[in-house]
């Protein structure tokens, strides 16, 4: 009850299924030209990158 913010740490992507997450992004955000659009909510973590490929 010290009201301090605590950060969660994971090792080697153990917080989520990395492979499944990538497949979900590819299935839902692949463009006609083959590029993968990065969802807006994830762009801050990707240095503002909008597309992969």
PDB file of N, CA and C in Angstrom:
ATOM      1  N   UNK A   1       0.816  -1.197   0.000  1.00  0.00           N
ATOM      2  CA  UNK A   1       0.000   0.000   0.000  1.00  0.00           C
ATOM      3  C   UNK A   1       0.859   1.260   0.000  1.00  0.00           C
ATOM      4  N   UNK A   2       2.064   1.189  -0.572  1.00  0.00           N
ATOM      5  CA  UNK A   2       2.931   2.363  -0.630  1.00  0.00           C
ATOM      6  C   UNK A   2       2.589   3.282  -1.807  1.00  0.00           C
ATOM      7  N   UNK A   3       1.623   2.878  -2.635  1.00  0.00           N
ATOM      8  CA  UNK A   3       1.125   3.678  -3.766  1.00  0.00           C
ATOM      9  C   UNK A   3       2.196   3.997  -4.807  1.00  0.00           C
ATOM     10  N   UNK A   4       3.264   3.225  -4.853  1.00  0.00           N
ATOM     11  CA  UNK A   4       4.298   3.437  -5.854  1.00  0.00           C
ATOM     12  C   UNK A   4       3.970   2.617  -7.099  1.00  0.00           C
ATOM     13  N   UNK A   5       4.315   3.163  -8.243  1.00  0.00           N
ATOM     14  CA  UNK A   5       4.121   2.439  -9.485  1.00  0.00           C
ATOM     15  C   UNK A   5       5.143   1.320  -9.572  1.00  0.00           C
ATOM     16  N   UNK A   6       4.670   0.136  -9.902  1.00  0.00           N
ATOM     17  CA  UNK A   6       5.564  -1.004 -10.066  1.00  0.00           C
ATOM     18  C   UNK A   6       5.511  -1.445 -11.520  1.00  0.00           C
ATOM     19  N   UNK A   7       6.667  -1.672 -12.093  1.00  0.00           N
ATOM     20  CA  UNK A   7       6.748  -2.085 -13.479  1.00  0.00           C
ATOM     21  C   UNK A   7       6.844  -3.598 -13.579  1.00  0.00           C
ATOM     22  N   UNK A   8       6.172  -4.128 -14.575  1.00  0.00           N
ATOM     23  CA  UNK A   8       6.205  -5.566 -14.811  1.00  0.00           C
ATOM     24  C   UNK A   8       7.349  -5.857 -15.772  1.00  0.00           C
ATOM     25  N   UNK A   9       8.130  -6.872 -15.488  1.00  0.00           N
ATOM     26  CA  UNK A   9       9.237  -7.255 -16.347  1.00  0.00           C
ATOM     27  C   UNK A   9       8.995  -8.665 -16.872  1.00  0.00           C
ATOM     28  N   UNK A  10       9.353  -8.880 -18.117  1.00  0.00           N
ATOM     29  CA  UNK A  10       9.264 -10.215 -18.697  1.00  0.00           C
ATOM     30  C   UNK A  10      10.624 -10.583 -19.273  1.00  0.00           C
ATOM     31  N   UNK A  11      10.832 -11.843 -19.501  1.00  0.00           N
ATOM     32  CA  UNK A  11      12.082 -12.325 -20.068  1.00  0.00           C
ATOM     33  C   UNK A  11      11.771 -13.062 -21.364  1.00  0.00           C
ATOM     34  N   UNK A  12      12.421 -12.667 -22.428  1.00  0.00           N
ATOM     35  CA  UNK A  12      12.276 -13.342 -23.723  1.00  0.00           C
ATOM     36  C   UNK A  12      10.831 -13.410 -24.207  1.00  0.00           C
ATOM     37  N   UNK A  13      10.076 -12.354 -24.012  1.00  0.00           N
ATOM     38  CA  UNK A  13       8.707 -12.307 -24.508  1.00  0.00           C
ATOM     39  C   UNK A  13       7.754 -13.209 -23.761  1.00  0.00           C
ATOM     40  N   UNK A  14       8.061 -13.542 -22.519  1.00  0.00           N
ATOM     41  CA  UNK A  14       7.225 -14.482 -21.777  1.00  0.00           C
ATOM     42  C   UNK A  14       5.859 -13.911 -21.404  1.00  0.00           C
ATOM     43  N   UNK A  15       5.639 -12.614 -21.624  1.00  0.00           N
ATOM     44  CA  UNK A  15       4.353 -12.010 -21.278  1.00  0.00           C
ATOM     45  C   UNK A  15       3.269 -12.291 -22.298  1.00  0.00           C
ATOM     46  N   UNK A  16       3.651 -12.736 -23.485  1.00  0.00           N
ATOM     47  CA  UNK A  16       2.676 -13.030 -24.531  1.00  0.00           C
ATOM     48  C   UNK A  16       3.308 -13.981 -25.529  1.00  0.00           C
ATOM     49  N   UNK A  17       2.469 -14.608 -26.307  1.00  0.00           N
ATOM     50  CA  UNK A  17       2.969 -15.504 -27.350  1.00  0.00           C
ATOM     51  C   UNK A  17       3.447 -14.670 -28.528  1.00  0.00           C
ATOM     52  N   UNK A  18       4.746 -14.437 -28.632  1.00  0.00           N
ATOM     53  CA  UNK A  18       5.287 -13.530 -29.644  1.00  0.00           C
ATOM     54  C   UNK A  18       4.922 -13.996 -31.054  1.00  0.00           C
ATOM     55  N   UNK A  19       5.089 -15.265 -31.316  1.00  0.00           N
ATOM     56  CA  UNK A  19       4.762 -15.783 -32.649  1.00  0.00           C
ATOM     57  C   UNK A  19       3.305 -15.573 -33.003  1.00  0.00           C
ATOM     58  N   UNK A  20       2.424 -15.879 -32.077  1.00  0.00           N
ATOM     59  CA  UNK A  20       0.986 -15.702 -32.319  1.00  0.00           C
ATOM     60  C   UNK A  20       0.627 -14.241 -32.502  1.00  0.00           C
ATOM     61  N   UNK A  21       1.305 -13.373 -31.750  1.00  0.00           N
ATOM     62  CA  UNK A  21       1.044 -11.942 -31.873  1.00  0.00           C
ATOM     63  C   UNK A  21       1.457 -11.440 -33.250  1.00  0.00           C
ATOM     64  N   UNK A  22       2.626 -11.867 -33.727  1.00  0.00           N
ATOM     65  CA  UNK A  22       3.073 -11.467 -35.060  1.00  0.00           C
ATOM     66  C   UNK A  22       2.135 -11.978 -36.147  1.00  0.00           C
ATOM     67  N   UNK A  23       1.687 -13.206 -36.027  1.00  0.00           N
ATOM     68  CA  UNK A  23       0.761 -13.762 -37.012  1.00  0.00           C
ATOM     69  C   UNK A  23      -0.542 -12.970 -37.017  1.00  0.00           C
ATOM     70  N   UNK A  24      -1.046 -12.604 -35.846  1.00  0.00           N
ATOM     71  CA  UNK A  24      -2.277 -11.818 -35.772  1.00  0.00           C
ATOM     72  C   UNK A  24      -2.101 -10.460 -36.449  1.00  0.00           C
ATOM     73  N   UNK A  25      -0.962  -9.815 -36.231  1.00  0.00           N
ATOM     74  CA  UNK A  25      -0.699  -8.532 -36.896  1.00  0.00           C
ATOM     75  C   UNK A  25      -0.625  -8.708 -38.407  1.00  0.00           C
ATOM     76  N   UNK A  26       0.045  -9.762 -38.847  1.00  0.00           N
ATOM     77  CA  UNK A  26       0.175 -10.002 -40.286  1.00  0.00           C
ATOM     78  C   UNK A  26      -1.180 -10.282 -40.920  1.00  0.00           C
ATOM     79  N   UNK A  27      -2.001 -11.090 -40.261  1.00  0.00           N
ATOM     80  CA  UNK A  27      -3.312 -11.433 -40.807  1.00  0.00           C
ATOM     81  C   UNK A  27      -4.244 -10.229 -40.886  1.00  0.00           C
ATOM     82  N   UNK A  28      -4.148  -9.350 -39.911  1.00  0.00           N
ATOM     83  CA  UNK A  28      -5.105  -8.249 -39.829  1.00  0.00           C
ATOM     84  C   UNK A  28      -4.628  -6.934 -40.422  1.00  0.00           C
ATOM     85  N   UNK A  29      -3.324  -6.782 -40.619  1.00  0.00           N
ATOM     86  CA  UNK A  29      -2.807  -5.490 -41.065  1.00  0.00           C
ATOM     87  C   UNK A  29      -1.977  -5.558 -42.342  1.00  0.00           C
ATOM     88  N   UNK A  30      -1.946  -6.717 -43.021  1.00  0.00           N
ATOM     89  CA  UNK A  30      -1.189  -6.793 -44.266  1.00  0.00           C
ATOM     90  C   UNK A  30      -1.925  -6.031 -45.363  1.00  0.00           C
ATOM     91  N   UNK A  31      -1.172  -5.230 -46.101  1.00  0.00           N
ATOM     92  CA  UNK A  31      -1.717  -4.412 -47.180  1.00  0.00           C
ATOM     93  C   UNK A  31      -1.604  -5.166 -48.502  1.00  0.00           C
ATOM     94  N   UNK A  32      -2.277  -4.677 -49.529  1.00  0.00           N
ATOM     95  CA  UNK A  32      -2.265  -5.327 -50.840  1.00  0.00           C
ATOM     96  C   UNK A  32      -0.852  -5.427 -51.421  1.00  0.00           C
ATOM     97  N   UNK A  33       0.008  -4.471 -51.077  1.00  0.00           N
ATOM     98  CA  UNK A  33       1.378  -4.492 -51.608  1.00  0.00           C
ATOM     99  C   UNK A  33       2.330  -5.341 -50.763  1.00  0.00           C
ATOM    100  N   UNK A  34       1.810  -6.003 -49.728  1.00  0.00           N
ATOM    101  CA  UNK A  34       2.620  -6.899 -48.907  1.00  0.00           C
ATOM    102  C   UNK A  34       3.157  -6.287 -47.630  1.00  0.00           C
ATOM    103  N   UNK A  35       3.106  -4.961 -47.506  1.00  0.00           N
ATOM    104  CA  UNK A  35       3.594  -4.319 -46.284  1.00  0.00           C
ATOM    105  C   UNK A  35       2.637  -4.619 -45.132  1.00  0.00           C
ATOM    106  N   UNK A  36       3.175  -4.570 -43.926  1.00  0.00           N
ATOM    107  CA  UNK A  36       2.367  -4.742 -42.721  1.00  0.00           C
ATOM    108  C   UNK A  36       2.217  -3.376 -42.070  1.00  0.00           C
ATOM    109  N   UNK A  37       0.978  -2.916 -41.915  1.00  0.00           N
ATOM    110  CA  UNK A  37       0.739  -1.642 -41.239  1.00  0.00           C
ATOM    111  C   UNK A  37       0.845  -1.858 -39.737  1.00  0.00           C
ATOM    112  N   UNK A  38       1.537  -0.972 -39.071  1.00  0.00           N
ATOM    113  CA  UNK A  38       1.649  -1.056 -37.620  1.00  0.00           C
ATOM    114  C   UNK A  38       0.479  -0.283 -37.018  1.00  0.00           C
ATOM    115  N   UNK A  39      -0.329  -0.919 -36.169  1.00  0.00           N
ATOM    116  CA  UNK A  39      -1.461  -0.217 -35.559  1.00  0.00           C
ATOM    117  C   UNK A  39      -0.987   1.037 -34.816  1.00  0.00           C
ATOM    118  N   UNK A  40      -1.799   2.089 -34.877  1.00  0.00           N
ATOM    119  CA  UNK A  40      -1.420   3.363 -34.260  1.00  0.00           C
ATOM    120  C   UNK A  40      -1.007   3.212 -32.803  1.00  0.00           C
ATOM    121  N   UNK A  41      -1.694   2.359 -32.073  1.00  0.00           N
ATOM    122  CA  UNK A  41      -1.402   2.204 -30.647  1.00  0.00           C
ATOM    123  C   UNK A  41       0.001   1.637 -30.402  1.00  0.00           C
ATOM    124  N   UNK A  42       0.565   0.929 -31.380  1.00  0.00           N
ATOM    125  CA  UNK A  42       1.900   0.343 -31.228  1.00  0.00           C
ATOM    126  C   UNK A  42       3.018   1.211 -31.792  1.00  0.00           C
ATOM    127  N   UNK A  43       2.688   2.217 -32.567  1.00  0.00           N
ATOM    128  CA  UNK A  43       3.707   3.040 -33.230  1.00  0.00           C
ATOM    129  C   UNK A  43       4.674   3.724 -32.278  1.00  0.00           C
ATOM    130  N   UNK A  44       4.233   4.210 -31.117  1.00  0.00           N
ATOM    131  CA  UNK A  44       5.210   4.822 -30.205  1.00  0.00           C
ATOM    132  C   UNK A  44       6.320   3.848 -29.792  1.00  0.00           C
ATOM    133  N   UNK A  45       6.011   2.552 -29.771  1.00  0.00           N
ATOM    134  CA  UNK A  45       7.005   1.547 -29.403  1.00  0.00           C
ATOM    135  C   UNK A  45       7.886   1.161 -30.592  1.00  0.00           C
ATOM    136  N   UNK A  46       7.491   1.614 -31.776  1.00  0.00           N
ATOM    137  CA  UNK A  46       8.227   1.311 -33.006  1.00  0.00           C
ATOM    138  C   UNK A  46       8.865   2.571 -33.585  1.00  0.00           C
ATOM    139  N   UNK A  47       9.105   3.555 -32.714  1.00  0.00           N
ATOM    140  CA  UNK A  47       9.728   4.829 -33.115  1.00  0.00           C
ATOM    141  C   UNK A  47       8.953   5.524 -34.218  1.00  0.00           C
ATOM    142  N   UNK A  48       7.630   5.403 -34.185  1.00  0.00           N
ATOM    143  CA  UNK A  48       6.784   6.095 -35.149  1.00  0.00           C
ATOM    144  C   UNK A  48       6.654   5.413 -36.497  1.00  0.00           C
ATOM    145  N   UNK A  49       7.272   4.246 -36.654  1.00  0.00           N
ATOM    146  CA  UNK A  49       7.210   3.520 -37.919  1.00  0.00           C
ATOM    147  C   UNK A  49       5.762   3.172 -38.242  1.00  0.00           C
ATOM    148  N   UNK A  50       5.348   3.403 -39.492  1.00  0.00           N
ATOM    149  CA  UNK A  50       3.969   3.130 -39.891  1.00  0.00           C
ATOM    150  C   UNK A  50       3.806   1.780 -40.575  1.00  0.00           C
ATOM    151  N   UNK A  51       4.847   1.333 -41.270  1.00  0.00           N
ATOM    152  CA  UNK A  51       4.771   0.077 -42.018  1.00  0.00           C
ATOM    153  C   UNK A  51       6.056  -0.725 -41.847  1.00  0.00           C
ATOM    154  N   UNK A  52       5.918  -2.034 -41.968  1.00  0.00           N
ATOM    155  CA  UNK A  52       7.065  -2.931 -42.035  1.00  0.00           C
ATOM    156  C   UNK A  52       7.063  -3.516 -43.438  1.00  0.00           C
ATOM    157  N   UNK A  53       8.189  -3.469 -44.081  1.00  0.00           N
ATOM    158  CA  UNK A  53       8.300  -4.064 -45.408  1.00  0.00           C
ATOM    159  C   UNK A  53       8.289  -3.106 -46.543  1.00  0.00           C
TER     160      UNK A  53
END
